[in-house]
Protein backbone atom coordinates (compact mmCIF):
# COMPACT_ATOMS: atom_id res chain seq x y z
CA UNK A 1 124.92 127.12 130.93
CA UNK A 2 123.40 123.56 129.78
CA UNK A 3 122.92 122.94 125.98
CA UNK A 4 119.17 123.79 124.68
CA UNK A 5 117.46 122.28 122.25
CA UNK A 6 115.83 124.73 119.18
CA UNK A 7 113.66 127.24 120.49
CA UNK A 8 113.86 126.40 124.37
CA UNK A 9 114.18 129.35 126.39
CA UNK A 10 117.11 128.91 128.35
CA UNK A 11 116.47 131.06 131.16
CA UNK A 12 113.19 132.67 132.58
CA UNK A 13 112.17 135.89 133.50
CA UNK A 14 109.69 137.59 135.59
CA UNK A 15 107.13 139.39 133.12
CA UNK A 16 105.74 142.49 134.63
CA UNK A 17 102.72 144.00 133.07
CA UNK A 18 103.01 146.50 130.32
CA UNK A 19 106.88 146.44 130.27
CA UNK A 20 108.14 147.20 126.61
CA UNK A 21 109.37 143.84 125.29
CA UNK A 22 112.34 144.29 123.73
CA UNK A 23 113.97 141.29 121.64
CA UNK A 24 117.35 141.41 120.33
CA UNK A 25 118.80 139.08 117.51
CA UNK A 26 122.87 138.53 117.12
CA UNK A 27 124.76 135.73 115.60
CA UNK A 28 126.01 134.90 119.33
CA UNK A 29 127.15 135.98 122.35
CA UNK A 30 130.85 135.22 122.24
CA UNK A 31 133.76 137.11 122.82
CA UNK A 32 133.89 140.98 120.77
CA UNK A 33 132.72 144.37 121.02
CA UNK A 34 129.19 144.32 119.49
CA UNK A 35 128.67 141.28 121.69
CA UNK A 36 130.03 143.19 124.95
CA UNK A 37 127.59 146.23 124.04
CA UNK A 38 124.35 144.04 123.86
CA UNK A 39 124.98 142.55 127.09
CA UNK A 40 125.83 146.00 128.42
CA UNK A 41 122.41 147.17 127.27
CA UNK A 42 120.55 144.81 128.39
CA UNK A 43 122.02 144.90 131.92
CA UNK A 44 121.87 148.13 132.23
CA UNK A 45 118.12 149.57 130.72
CA UNK A 46 115.61 150.03 133.32
CA UNK A 47 113.90 146.84 134.12
CA UNK A 48 110.85 148.51 135.29
CA UNK A 49 109.85 149.85 131.94
CA UNK A 50 112.05 146.98 129.48
CA UNK A 51 111.87 143.36 129.19
CA UNK A 52 115.02 141.92 127.44
CA UNK A 53 114.85 138.59 125.43
CA UNK A 54 117.95 137.78 123.21
CA UNK A 55 117.42 135.39 120.22
CA UNK A 56 121.12 134.01 119.17
CA UNK A 57 121.00 132.22 115.96
CA UNK A 58 124.12 130.19 116.14
CA UNK A 59 125.17 129.82 119.91
CA UNK A 60 125.43 131.29 123.28
CA UNK A 61 128.58 131.79 123.89
CA UNK A 62 130.79 133.91 126.60
CA UNK A 63 128.28 136.89 127.35
CA UNK A 64 125.32 134.61 127.65
CA UNK A 65 126.31 133.93 131.82
CA UNK A 66 125.99 137.94 131.92
CA UNK A 67 122.77 138.03 131.14
CA UNK A 68 121.17 135.61 133.43
CA UNK A 69 118.78 137.75 135.65
CA UNK A 70 118.65 140.48 133.14
CA UNK A 71 117.26 138.79 129.84
CA UNK A 72 115.44 135.95 128.80
CA UNK A 73 117.93 134.16 126.18
CA UNK A 74 116.53 132.18 123.29
CA UNK A 75 118.09 129.58 121.05
CA UNK A 76 117.24 129.67 117.35
CA UNK A 77 115.95 126.65 115.68
CA UNK A 78 117.47 125.27 112.73
CA UNK A 79 116.46 127.22 109.45
CA UNK A 80 116.59 125.35 105.99
CA UNK A 81 118.41 126.09 103.05
CA UNK A 82 115.67 128.63 101.74
CA UNK A 83 115.72 131.04 105.00
CA UNK A 84 116.87 133.95 103.70
CA UNK A 85 113.72 134.22 101.63
CA UNK A 86 111.78 132.49 103.88
CA UNK A 87 112.69 132.29 107.73
CA UNK A 88 109.54 130.28 108.79
CA UNK A 89 110.81 128.78 112.00
CA UNK A 90 112.81 132.45 113.08
CA UNK A 91 109.09 134.20 112.12
CA UNK A 92 107.29 131.36 114.37
CA UNK A 93 109.90 132.22 117.02
CA UNK A 94 109.35 135.75 116.89
CA UNK A 95 105.52 135.48 117.23
CA UNK A 96 106.20 133.36 120.11
CA UNK A 97 107.87 135.69 121.78
CA UNK A 98 105.52 138.52 120.86
CA UNK A 99 108.06 141.65 121.34
CA UNK A 100 107.17 145.00 120.87
CA UNK A 101 110.72 145.93 119.19
CA UNK A 102 112.88 143.61 117.63
CA UNK A 103 116.71 144.91 117.66
CA UNK A 104 119.07 143.42 115.32
CA UNK A 105 122.58 143.63 115.20
CA UNK A 106 125.54 143.52 112.79
CA UNK A 107 125.44 140.29 110.91
CA UNK A 108 121.48 139.36 110.88
CA UNK A 109 119.99 142.56 109.89
CA UNK A 110 118.34 141.05 106.53
CA UNK A 111 117.51 137.85 108.04
CA UNK A 112 116.06 139.44 111.11
CA UNK A 113 113.97 142.11 110.09
CA UNK A 114 112.41 139.73 107.61
CA UNK A 115 111.49 137.31 109.73
CA UNK A 116 110.32 140.40 112.25
CA UNK A 117 108.35 141.75 109.89
CA UNK A 118 106.65 138.55 108.64
CA UNK A 119 106.27 138.09 112.65
CA UNK A 120 104.11 141.34 112.77
CA UNK A 121 106.68 143.32 114.93
CA UNK A 122 105.66 146.88 115.43
CA UNK A 123 109.28 148.68 115.63
CA UNK A 124 112.41 147.35 114.24
CA UNK A 125 115.93 149.01 115.14
CA UNK A 126 119.08 147.77 113.80
CA UNK A 127 122.48 149.01 114.97
CA UNK A 128 125.42 148.77 112.25
CA UNK A 129 128.40 148.16 114.58
CA UNK A 130 131.01 148.48 111.66
CA UNK A 131 131.50 148.31 107.85
CA UNK A 132 133.98 147.42 105.61
CA UNK A 133 134.84 150.44 103.60
CA UNK A 134 134.19 150.33 100.72
CA UNK A 135 131.22 148.27 101.00
CA UNK A 136 131.21 144.76 99.04
CA UNK A 137 128.17 145.31 96.34
CA UNK A 138 126.13 142.02 97.61
CA UNK A 139 126.42 143.65 101.48
CA UNK A 140 124.83 146.95 99.90
CA UNK A 141 122.42 145.42 98.25
CA UNK A 142 121.24 143.09 100.99
CA UNK A 143 121.33 146.01 103.56
CA UNK A 144 119.78 148.19 101.22
CA UNK A 145 116.29 145.95 100.95
CA UNK A 146 116.69 145.26 105.06
CA UNK A 147 117.15 149.20 105.78
CA UNK A 148 114.03 149.69 103.68
CA UNK A 149 111.95 147.52 106.14
CA UNK A 150 113.62 148.96 109.35
CA UNK A 151 112.49 152.13 111.40
CA UNK A 152 115.76 153.20 112.85
CA UNK A 153 119.03 152.56 111.52
CA UNK A 154 121.90 153.39 114.44
CA UNK A 155 125.45 154.01 113.03
CA UNK A 156 127.89 154.21 116.05
CA UNK A 157 130.23 156.51 114.65
CA UNK A 158 129.59 159.95 112.14
CA UNK A 159 131.91 158.20 109.74
CA UNK A 160 129.87 155.19 109.39
CA UNK A 161 126.40 157.02 109.53
CA UNK A 162 127.77 158.87 106.31
CA UNK A 163 128.84 155.53 104.79
CA UNK A 164 125.42 154.25 105.37
CA UNK A 165 123.78 157.14 103.51
CA UNK A 166 125.64 156.97 100.82
CA UNK A 167 125.61 152.96 100.05
CA UNK A 168 123.08 151.69 102.09
CA UNK A 169 120.01 153.49 103.63
CA UNK A 170 118.09 155.68 101.20
CA UNK A 171 115.96 157.02 103.52
CA UNK A 172 118.58 159.04 105.25
CA UNK A 173 116.16 160.38 107.92
CA UNK A 174 115.84 156.80 109.40
CA UNK A 175 119.73 156.86 110.47
CA UNK A 176 120.11 157.99 114.00
CA UNK A 177 123.94 158.53 115.61
CA UNK A 178 124.28 156.78 118.70
CA UNK A 179 127.96 156.26 120.08
CA UNK A 180 129.14 153.47 121.73
CA UNK A 181 129.99 153.34 125.77
CA UNK A 182 131.60 152.01 128.23
CA UNK A 183 131.73 151.28 131.74
CA UNK A 184 133.89 153.73 132.96
CA UNK A 185 133.88 152.23 136.76
CA UNK A 186 134.93 148.92 135.47
CA UNK A 187 137.61 150.54 132.85
CA UNK A 188 139.54 152.56 135.21
CA UNK A 189 143.07 153.27 135.94
CA UNK A 190 144.94 150.80 137.75
CA UNK A 191 148.20 149.95 139.26
CA UNK A 192 150.12 146.93 137.37
CA UNK A 193 149.95 144.05 139.66
CA UNK A 194 152.73 142.06 138.09
CA UNK A 195 150.31 138.94 136.93
CA UNK A 196 150.32 139.19 133.34
CA UNK A 197 154.13 140.52 133.04
CA UNK A 198 154.84 137.40 135.21
CA UNK A 199 152.57 134.83 133.39
CA UNK A 200 154.16 136.01 130.00
CA UNK A 201 157.75 136.16 131.00
CA UNK A 202 158.09 139.92 130.49
CA UNK A 203 160.63 141.94 132.45
CA UNK A 204 159.65 144.72 134.69
CA UNK A 205 160.72 147.57 133.01
CA UNK A 206 160.02 146.42 129.28
CA UNK A 207 157.58 148.22 127.11
CA UNK A 208 154.47 146.30 126.18
CA UNK A 209 152.33 147.34 123.35
CA UNK A 210 148.99 146.18 124.21
CA UNK A 211 146.09 145.52 121.87
CA UNK A 212 142.60 143.65 122.49
CA UNK A 213 140.28 142.60 119.14
CA UNK A 214 139.28 140.43 117.03
CA UNK A 215 142.35 138.32 114.87
CA UNK A 216 140.71 139.07 111.40
CA UNK A 217 141.65 140.79 108.30
CA UNK A 218 139.75 143.88 108.55
CA UNK A 219 141.78 144.48 111.82
CA UNK A 220 144.90 144.77 110.06
CA UNK A 221 146.88 142.93 112.93
CA UNK A 222 149.19 141.78 109.69
CA UNK A 223 149.87 145.18 109.59
CA UNK A 224 151.02 145.41 113.40
CA UNK A 225 153.26 142.53 113.04
CA UNK A 226 155.29 143.97 110.63
CA UNK A 227 155.61 147.20 112.44
CA UNK A 228 156.64 145.60 115.45
CA UNK A 229 159.43 143.71 113.38
CA UNK A 230 160.55 146.95 112.18
CA UNK A 231 160.06 148.94 115.90
CA UNK A 232 163.31 147.37 117.47
CA UNK A 233 165.77 149.25 114.89
CA UNK A 234 165.18 152.38 117.08
CA UNK A 235 166.77 150.75 120.20
CA UNK A 236 166.73 154.02 122.12
CA UNK A 237 162.93 153.89 122.43
CA UNK A 238 163.02 150.42 123.99
CA UNK A 239 162.18 148.80 121.13
CA UNK A 240 164.69 146.26 121.40
CA UNK A 241 163.03 144.69 124.53
CA UNK A 242 159.35 145.47 123.95
CA UNK A 243 156.76 142.83 123.71
CA UNK A 244 153.69 143.30 121.75
CA UNK A 245 150.52 141.41 123.91
CA UNK A 246 147.42 140.33 121.88
CA UNK A 247 144.06 139.72 123.42
CA UNK A 248 141.85 138.14 121.10
CA UNK A 249 141.30 135.40 118.71
CA UNK A 250 140.07 134.51 115.14
CA UNK A 251 140.69 133.30 111.69
CA UNK A 252 143.89 134.99 111.39
CA UNK A 253 145.77 133.68 114.34
CA UNK A 254 147.85 130.97 113.00
CA UNK A 255 148.77 133.35 109.93
CA UNK A 256 150.17 135.78 112.33
CA UNK A 257 151.72 133.44 114.58
CA UNK A 258 153.82 132.04 111.63
CA UNK A 259 154.63 135.54 110.23
CA UNK A 260 155.70 137.01 113.71
CA UNK A 261 158.01 133.53 114.05
CA UNK A 262 159.45 134.42 110.11
CA UNK A 263 160.40 138.14 110.75
CA UNK A 264 162.37 136.56 114.03
CA UNK A 265 160.05 138.17 116.79
CA UNK A 266 157.81 135.42 117.54
CA UNK A 267 159.37 135.18 121.21
CA UNK A 268 158.20 138.62 121.92
CA UNK A 269 154.92 138.80 120.54
CA UNK A 270 152.33 137.10 122.67
CA UNK A 271 148.70 135.99 121.31
CA UNK A 272 146.73 135.36 124.55
CA UNK A 273 143.06 134.50 123.04
CA UNK A 274 140.24 135.93 124.63
CA UNK A 275 140.81 136.41 128.02
CA UNK A 276 138.22 137.69 130.87
CA UNK A 277 141.46 139.66 132.79
CA UNK A 278 140.91 142.46 130.52
CA UNK A 279 141.42 145.52 133.59
CA UNK A 280 144.73 143.18 134.27
CA UNK A 281 145.80 143.53 130.56
CA UNK A 282 145.29 146.92 130.87
CA UNK A 283 147.33 147.98 133.61
CA UNK A 284 150.20 145.83 132.39
CA UNK A 285 150.00 147.96 128.61
CA UNK A 286 152.54 150.53 128.58
CA UNK A 287 150.07 151.82 125.67
CA UNK A 288 147.14 150.70 123.70
CA UNK A 289 147.23 150.26 119.97
CA UNK A 290 145.37 149.58 116.74
CA UNK A 291 146.08 148.77 112.98
CA UNK A 292 142.32 148.49 112.36
CA UNK A 293 141.56 148.70 108.36
CA UNK A 294 138.11 150.08 109.19
CA UNK A 295 136.13 150.47 112.69
CA UNK A 296 132.94 152.05 113.56
CA UNK A 297 133.52 153.25 117.13
CA UNK A 298 135.93 150.59 118.85
CA UNK A 299 134.60 149.29 121.99
CA UNK A 300 138.31 148.03 122.88
CA UNK A 301 139.57 151.57 122.12
CA UNK A 302 137.00 153.08 124.47
CA UNK A 303 137.62 150.44 127.08
CA UNK A 304 141.30 151.39 126.79
CA UNK A 305 141.09 154.98 126.57
CA UNK A 306 138.99 154.87 129.86
CA UNK A 307 141.77 152.93 131.69
CA UNK A 308 144.02 156.05 131.02
CA UNK A 309 146.07 154.19 128.36
CA UNK A 310 147.81 156.56 125.51
CA UNK A 311 146.09 155.50 122.26
CA UNK A 312 148.13 154.74 118.81
CA UNK A 313 145.71 154.09 116.33
CA UNK A 314 145.23 154.06 112.62
CA UNK A 315 142.91 156.99 111.36
CA UNK A 316 140.30 154.73 110.47
CA UNK A 317 136.42 155.24 110.42
CA UNK A 318 135.42 156.49 114.03
CA UNK A 319 138.59 156.51 115.65
CA UNK A 320 139.49 159.96 114.70
CA UNK A 321 136.20 161.42 116.67
CA UNK A 322 136.82 158.80 119.39
CA UNK A 323 140.16 160.36 120.36
CA UNK A 324 139.30 163.88 119.55
CA UNK A 325 141.30 166.55 118.80
CA UNK A 326 143.63 166.79 121.53
CA UNK A 327 144.80 163.30 120.74
CA UNK A 328 144.78 163.94 117.08
CA UNK A 329 148.44 163.78 116.62
CA UNK A 330 148.28 159.69 117.97
CA UNK A 331 146.62 158.87 114.64
CA UNK A 332 148.30 156.72 111.93
CA UNK A 333 147.99 156.18 108.39
CA UNK A 334 146.81 152.71 107.93
CA UNK A 335 148.17 149.87 105.85
CA UNK A 336 151.79 151.28 106.66
CA UNK A 337 153.53 149.50 109.29
CA UNK A 338 156.70 152.15 109.40
CA UNK A 339 154.20 154.77 110.73
CA UNK A 340 152.85 152.64 113.31
CA UNK A 341 156.49 151.91 114.19
CA UNK A 342 157.58 155.36 114.25
CA UNK A 343 154.40 156.02 116.43
CA UNK A 344 155.08 153.85 118.86
CA UNK A 345 158.95 155.13 119.06
CA UNK A 346 157.37 158.56 119.77
CA UNK A 347 154.80 157.37 122.35
CA UNK A 348 157.27 155.46 124.40
CA UNK A 349 160.24 158.09 124.18
CA UNK A 350 158.61 160.70 125.81
CA UNK A 351 156.90 159.26 128.97
CA UNK A 352 155.40 162.32 130.05
CA UNK A 353 153.46 163.40 127.15
CA UNK A 354 152.13 159.64 126.99
CA UNK A 355 150.61 159.75 130.88
CA UNK A 356 149.22 163.38 129.50
CA UNK A 357 147.64 161.63 127.01
CA UNK A 358 146.44 158.56 128.97
CA UNK A 359 145.01 160.88 131.35
CA UNK A 360 143.29 163.10 128.28
CA UNK A 361 141.82 159.87 126.78
CA UNK A 362 139.95 158.86 130.19
CA UNK A 363 138.65 162.42 130.65
CA UNK A 364 137.31 162.05 126.70
CA UNK A 365 135.81 158.93 127.52
CA UNK A 366 134.40 160.25 130.95
CA UNK A 367 132.79 163.56 128.58
CA UNK A 368 131.84 161.83 125.44
CA UNK A 369 131.59 158.10 125.50
CA UNK A 370 129.65 156.87 128.80
CA UNK A 371 127.42 153.86 129.05
CA UNK A 372 124.74 155.65 130.96
CA UNK A 373 124.43 158.05 128.11
CA UNK A 374 124.75 155.56 124.87
CA UNK A 375 121.91 153.12 126.83
CA UNK A 376 119.58 155.83 127.70
CA UNK A 377 119.46 156.86 123.68
CA UNK A 378 118.40 153.48 122.98
CA UNK A 379 115.47 153.23 125.66
CA UNK A 380 114.32 156.65 123.71
CA UNK A 381 114.39 154.47 120.58
CA UNK A 382 112.86 151.52 121.97
CA UNK A 383 109.66 153.96 122.93
CA UNK A 384 109.66 155.72 119.51
CA UNK A 385 111.56 158.90 120.35
CA UNK A 386 114.81 159.80 118.82
CA UNK A 387 118.18 160.16 121.02
């Protein structure tokens, strides 16, 4: 995609009479679960009833290409130092697009809803994709103001809905629960083609602990690296030959790489950066793991479970609700490397139970976290109805 000057539409979509015009506002469309969800919503909403626009405040990013033919993409004009008080250029851009609905996403709630209100947009929806727990005081105050000018605040998990009601949204009637959903056709069980293992030099029989996510403090990858260093202590579970494969990137990556080397496991911890071959990664994983300190409803977790992987994840945010009662034994206390390593040993030590839990994981996503159900909920909200 060629660069765009401020405010210029990067693509022109056809305009159908009387469709509901929805403008999504987000920081960027680079890699991440939130960005993936926005792209899925835009591509899946009924084009006969909805006209989709996306306004990025920073830059386009990887998922912009997926929106070609489904939405008109806009790049925000530069904003001045006082834009948190009066985002005049953003107000003008929103007026120019003239949406019926503005849908903001985590990171732009305050500024996006302030500009949308000033631009006269009749309906404002915000999706909170996940928060720190506890909320920093500044975020509580800022988001509290934003919530007052938002008609519907969507929480992606029941835990997050309770947190929003307790700390941010004074009118609890504005909160709607819409769990995330994923494409179960794209994310399905498939055999390992050996490409990932071959590229990384991982032997065919070696266990692969896999994770995909942002390498940031909130995701707890430091805990995961510490746990992996403890893991080889039980060679009977395959720990001595296991590899840890991390798909994703972020500000913590240099520190994590240094820590893995310091712990003597740097040769078996693979930092891949963001990848477009997630189905191939899933096929190479023996199980999927997360060590998050906080979560909403993790898209990476849903995709891995949909691919038939046994999950071993920390018991934070919406993770327990995603796994459900049949997989609750795969939850691990957060901030506890020893407990995480023990959970990996248990999973790898019983191949039959791991396979059974992988099948249960896919059934769980098929039953409760489909992409179609999520999109229908958002369509109802865009048209002024509850999910």
